[in-house]
Amino acid sequence: MIVLDNVNKYYGDYHALVGITERVEKNEVLVVCGPSGSGKSTLIRTLNRLEDIDGGHIAIDGRDIHAKGFDVNALRAGIGFVFQQFNLFPHLTALENCMLAPVQLKRASKAEASEQAMALLDQVGLAHKADAYPDALSGGQQQRVAIARALAMRPSIMLFDEPTSALDPEMVGEVLQVMRSLAKQGMTMVCVTHEMGFARDVADRIWFMAEGKILEKGAPGDFFANPQHPRAIQFLADRNRN
């Protein structure tokens, strides 16, 4: 579903992504992990063109998404993105946040969008908060609304960029539970996260990144039980100490 071919990205002289060549299959749950500054967030942001690339190709469903003239808005309409920060519109209720894109971009009727939004809020356990504004919601609740909002466009791929990193520890579990539910439904997911328990339980594959490269990849059982690369061994040792 996603094919990366010799992808390179620079910030000035800094080589942020170094010759990434990999693929993500349909219905796969991929977890990307690694130390801070390893290129994880840059990589995931290239998948919906929040970041441009400086070399190579990225294809989604066979289409070169960084090709000149490619319709970026159409691409993003089919890819849900959940950020570290919740990025909800503060002047809109939870329900209105989830209705906005289908009404504005897909020309759905307000009745249709409202019905779908309520179903999605129910799916993330927040139907009872439909009329609440973001400032009346906890961080975990806001992130769950953000997931519902991303799902409102019926995406074929969901991207998560450290979705729990801005949350208090007691709120992390409720967001990961929603992500686990999506994985069980067969959603294609690429998740940048430091939540190794989630990676162990839910991922089909893991990519370990450092210095802009994928240094190790494999099934969770192999990665956690028998990591091969010294950087991966050190990373997991550091996580276990914490």
Protein backbone atom coordinates (compact mmCIF):
# COMPACT_ATOMS: atom_id res chain seq x y z
CA MET A 1 0.00 0.00 0.00
CA ILE A 2 2.92 2.32 0.79
CA VAL A 3 6.24 1.99 -1.03
CA LEU A 4 9.30 4.08 -0.19
CA ASP A 5 12.16 3.97 -2.69
CA ASN A 6 15.50 5.54 -1.72
CA VAL A 7 13.81 8.43 0.12
CA ASN A 8 16.10 11.26 1.23
CA LYS A 9 15.31 14.42 3.15
CA TYR A 10 17.59 17.29 4.15
CA TYR A 11 17.20 20.26 6.46
CA GLY A 12 20.02 22.43 5.21
CA ASP A 13 23.14 20.29 5.61
CA TYR A 14 21.41 17.88 7.99
CA HIS A 15 20.51 14.55 6.37
CA ALA A 16 17.25 13.72 8.14
CA LEU A 17 16.22 10.69 6.06
CA VAL A 18 18.95 8.59 4.49
CA GLY A 19 18.02 6.33 1.58
CA ILE A 20 14.86 4.83 3.08
CA THR A 21 13.61 1.90 1.00
CA GLU A 22 10.72 -0.05 2.52
CA ARG A 23 7.05 -0.91 2.10
CA VAL A 24 3.90 -1.10 4.22
CA GLU A 25 1.26 -3.66 3.27
CA LYS A 26 -2.49 -3.12 3.31
CA ASN A 27 -4.08 -3.80 6.73
CA GLU A 28 -0.63 -3.81 8.36
CA VAL A 29 0.05 -2.12 11.69
CA LEU A 30 3.57 -0.71 11.57
CA VAL A 31 5.26 0.85 14.60
CA VAL A 32 8.23 3.15 14.01
CA CYS A 33 10.41 3.65 17.08
CA GLY A 34 13.82 5.00 17.93
CA PRO A 35 15.57 7.73 19.91
CA SER A 36 14.63 11.40 19.63
CA GLY A 37 15.94 12.99 16.47
CA SER A 38 16.10 9.69 14.59
CA GLY A 39 13.84 10.85 11.74
CA LYS A 40 10.64 9.07 12.80
CA SER A 41 8.33 12.09 12.67
CA THR A 42 9.95 13.39 9.50
CA LEU A 43 9.35 10.03 7.86
CA ILE A 44 5.69 9.80 8.78
CA ARG A 45 5.07 13.40 7.70
CA THR A 46 6.40 12.62 4.21
CA LEU A 47 3.57 10.09 3.80
CA ASN A 48 0.93 12.81 3.47
CA ARG A 49 3.28 15.51 2.19
CA LEU A 50 3.45 17.59 5.34
CA GLU A 51 7.15 17.30 4.51
CA ASP A 52 8.57 17.26 1.00
CA ILE A 53 11.40 14.91 0.08
CA ASP A 54 14.68 15.74 -1.64
CA GLY A 55 15.21 12.46 -3.43
CA GLY A 56 13.57 9.12 -4.14
CA HIS A 57 9.91 8.25 -4.48
CA ILE A 58 6.94 7.48 -2.23
CA ALA A 59 3.99 5.65 -3.77
CA ILE A 60 0.62 5.06 -2.12
CA ASP A 61 -1.72 2.71 -3.96
CA GLY A 62 0.68 2.90 -6.88
CA ARG A 63 0.66 6.70 -7.16
CA ASP A 64 3.83 8.76 -6.77
CA ILE A 65 2.60 11.21 -4.14
CA HIS A 66 5.56 13.59 -4.46
CA ALA A 67 5.28 13.86 -8.24
CA LYS A 68 4.91 17.34 -9.69
CA GLY A 69 1.25 18.29 -10.05
CA PHE A 70 -0.02 15.56 -7.71
CA ASP A 71 -3.28 16.52 -5.96
CA VAL A 72 -2.17 16.88 -2.33
CA ASN A 73 -5.67 17.66 -1.05
CA ALA A 74 -7.05 14.46 -2.56
CA LEU A 75 -4.18 12.53 -0.97
CA ARG A 76 -4.81 13.96 2.48
CA ALA A 77 -8.55 13.31 2.21
CA GLY A 78 -7.75 9.60 2.19
CA ILE A 79 -5.17 9.60 4.99
CA GLY A 80 -6.01 10.29 8.62
CA PHE A 81 -3.28 12.00 10.66
CA VAL A 82 -3.22 12.22 14.45
CA PHE A 83 -0.61 14.62 15.84
CA GLN A 84 1.21 14.89 19.15
CA GLN A 85 -0.90 17.94 19.93
CA PHE A 86 -4.63 17.47 19.49
CA ASN A 87 -5.15 20.42 17.11
CA LEU A 88 -8.91 20.55 17.70
CA PHE A 89 -10.72 23.72 16.74
CA PRO A 90 -11.36 25.35 20.14
CA HIS A 91 -14.53 27.17 19.03
CA LEU A 92 -16.22 23.95 17.86
CA THR A 93 -17.73 21.18 19.97
CA ALA A 94 -16.44 17.62 19.75
CA LEU A 95 -19.31 16.81 17.39
CA GLU A 96 -18.68 19.86 15.22
CA ASN A 97 -14.95 19.07 15.01
CA CYS A 98 -15.84 15.64 13.61
CA MET A 99 -18.44 17.04 11.19
CA LEU A 100 -16.35 19.81 9.68
CA ALA A 101 -14.26 17.95 7.08
CA PRO A 102 -17.06 15.74 5.70
CA VAL A 103 -19.31 18.79 5.26
CA GLN A 104 -16.64 21.10 3.83
CA LEU A 105 -14.63 18.64 1.74
CA LYS A 106 -17.00 15.81 0.90
CA ARG A 107 -20.12 17.97 0.70
CA ALA A 108 -21.96 15.68 3.11
CA SER A 109 -25.22 16.99 4.48
CA LYS A 110 -25.12 18.22 8.07
CA ALA A 111 -27.56 15.48 9.07
CA GLU A 112 -25.42 12.79 7.49
CA ALA A 113 -22.20 14.22 8.95
CA SER A 114 -23.78 14.53 12.40
CA GLU A 115 -24.96 10.92 12.37
CA GLN A 116 -21.52 9.68 11.32
CA ALA A 117 -19.76 11.93 13.85
CA MET A 118 -21.92 10.61 16.68
CA ALA A 119 -21.15 7.04 15.65
CA LEU A 120 -17.42 7.79 15.65
CA LEU A 121 -17.55 9.54 19.01
CA ASP A 122 -19.37 6.50 20.35
CA GLN A 123 -16.64 4.30 18.86
CA VAL A 124 -13.98 6.20 20.86
CA GLY A 125 -16.16 6.24 23.99
CA LEU A 126 -17.11 9.91 23.89
CA ALA A 127 -20.69 10.10 22.61
CA HIS A 128 -21.63 11.67 25.95
CA LYS A 129 -19.16 14.51 25.27
CA ALA A 130 -20.51 15.42 21.82
CA ASP A 131 -21.55 18.92 22.88
CA ALA A 132 -18.42 19.65 24.91
CA TYR A 133 -15.80 22.13 23.72
CA PRO A 134 -12.13 21.08 23.73
CA ASP A 135 -11.24 23.13 26.81
CA ALA A 136 -13.79 21.11 28.79
CA LEU A 137 -12.13 17.82 27.82
CA SER A 138 -9.10 16.09 29.30
CA GLY A 139 -6.04 15.57 27.13
CA GLY A 140 -6.93 11.94 26.57
CA GLN A 141 -10.46 12.85 25.59
CA GLN A 142 -9.22 15.52 23.18
CA GLN A 143 -6.91 13.02 21.50
CA ARG A 144 -9.75 10.52 21.17
CA VAL A 145 -11.87 13.23 19.52
CA ALA A 146 -8.91 13.92 17.21
CA ILE A 147 -8.89 10.24 16.22
CA ALA A 148 -12.65 10.32 15.59
CA ARG A 149 -12.20 13.47 13.50
CA ALA A 150 -9.52 11.77 11.39
CA LEU A 151 -11.79 8.75 10.88
CA ALA A 152 -14.64 10.97 9.71
CA MET A 153 -13.09 11.19 6.25
CA ARG A 154 -13.15 7.37 6.02
CA PRO A 155 -9.39 7.14 5.39
CA SER A 156 -7.69 4.04 4.02
CA ILE A 157 -4.57 4.78 6.11
CA MET A 158 -4.14 6.22 9.60
CA LEU A 159 -0.89 7.90 10.61
CA PHE A 160 -0.10 8.52 14.29
CA ASP A 161 2.81 10.80 15.24
CA GLU A 162 3.52 10.12 18.93
CA PRO A 163 -0.18 10.50 19.81
CA THR A 164 0.36 9.93 23.55
CA SER A 165 3.49 12.02 24.10
CA ALA A 166 1.57 15.11 25.25
CA LEU A 167 -0.65 13.17 27.66
CA ASP A 168 -0.41 12.59 31.38
CA PRO A 169 0.45 8.92 32.08
CA GLU A 170 -3.02 8.04 33.33
CA MET A 171 -4.55 9.19 30.03
CA VAL A 172 -2.25 7.21 27.74
CA GLY A 173 -4.14 3.94 28.11
CA GLU A 174 -7.46 5.29 26.88
CA VAL A 175 -5.90 6.53 23.63
CA LEU A 176 -3.93 3.31 23.07
CA GLN A 177 -7.14 1.33 23.59
CA VAL A 178 -8.80 3.19 20.71
CA MET A 179 -5.74 2.51 18.54
CA ARG A 180 -5.85 -1.18 19.47
CA SER A 181 -9.50 -1.28 18.42
CA LEU A 182 -8.67 0.24 15.03
CA ALA A 183 -5.91 -2.31 14.52
CA LYS A 184 -8.33 -5.17 15.23
CA GLN A 185 -10.66 -3.73 12.57
CA GLY A 186 -7.93 -4.11 9.95
CA MET A 187 -7.01 -0.43 9.51
CA THR A 188 -3.67 0.18 7.82
CA MET A 189 -1.72 2.10 10.47
CA VAL A 190 1.72 3.67 10.73
CA CYS A 191 2.43 4.66 14.34
CA VAL A 192 5.41 6.61 15.61
CA THR A 193 5.43 5.88 19.32
CA HIS A 194 7.57 5.25 22.39
CA GLU A 195 4.86 2.98 23.85
CA MET A 196 6.69 -0.32 23.64
CA GLY A 197 3.86 -2.28 25.26
CA PHE A 198 1.58 -1.16 22.43
CA ALA A 199 4.24 -2.08 19.87
CA ARG A 200 4.68 -5.53 21.39
CA ASP A 201 0.93 -6.25 21.54
CA VAL A 202 -0.43 -4.66 18.38
CA ALA A 203 2.25 -4.16 15.72
CA ASP A 204 2.65 -6.55 12.81
CA ARG A 205 6.12 -5.15 12.21
CA ILE A 206 8.51 -2.70 13.84
CA TRP A 207 11.02 -0.36 12.22
CA PHE A 208 13.79 0.88 14.48
CA MET A 209 15.29 4.17 13.29
CA ALA A 210 18.38 6.14 14.25
CA GLU A 211 20.26 8.89 12.41
CA GLY A 212 17.71 8.93 9.61
CA LYS A 213 18.04 5.23 8.76
CA ILE A 214 16.02 2.09 9.43
CA LEU A 215 18.63 0.07 11.32
CA GLU A 216 16.44 -2.87 12.24
CA LYS A 217 13.04 -4.19 11.20
CA GLY A 218 11.01 -7.25 12.03
CA ALA A 219 8.13 -8.79 13.92
CA PRO A 220 7.66 -7.64 17.53
CA GLY A 221 8.61 -11.05 18.93
CA ASP A 222 11.97 -10.96 17.17
CA PHE A 223 12.63 -7.29 17.87
CA PHE A 224 11.98 -7.47 21.60
CA ALA A 225 13.41 -10.93 22.26
CA ASN A 226 16.49 -10.77 20.09
CA PRO A 227 17.41 -7.31 18.75
CA GLN A 228 20.46 -7.38 16.49
CA HIS A 229 21.70 -3.85 15.95
CA PRO A 230 23.70 -2.33 18.85
CA ARG A 231 21.59 0.85 18.72
CA ALA A 232 18.38 -1.18 19.00
CA ILE A 233 19.81 -3.19 21.90
CA GLN A 234 20.75 0.03 23.71
CA PHE A 235 17.36 1.64 22.97
CA LEU A 236 15.44 -1.29 24.44
CA ALA A 237 17.75 -1.44 27.46
CA ASP A 238 17.13 2.26 28.10
CA ARG A 239 13.34 1.77 27.76
CA ASN A 240 13.39 -1.16 30.20
CA ARG A 241 15.30 0.91 32.76
CA ASN A 242 12.67 3.64 32.52
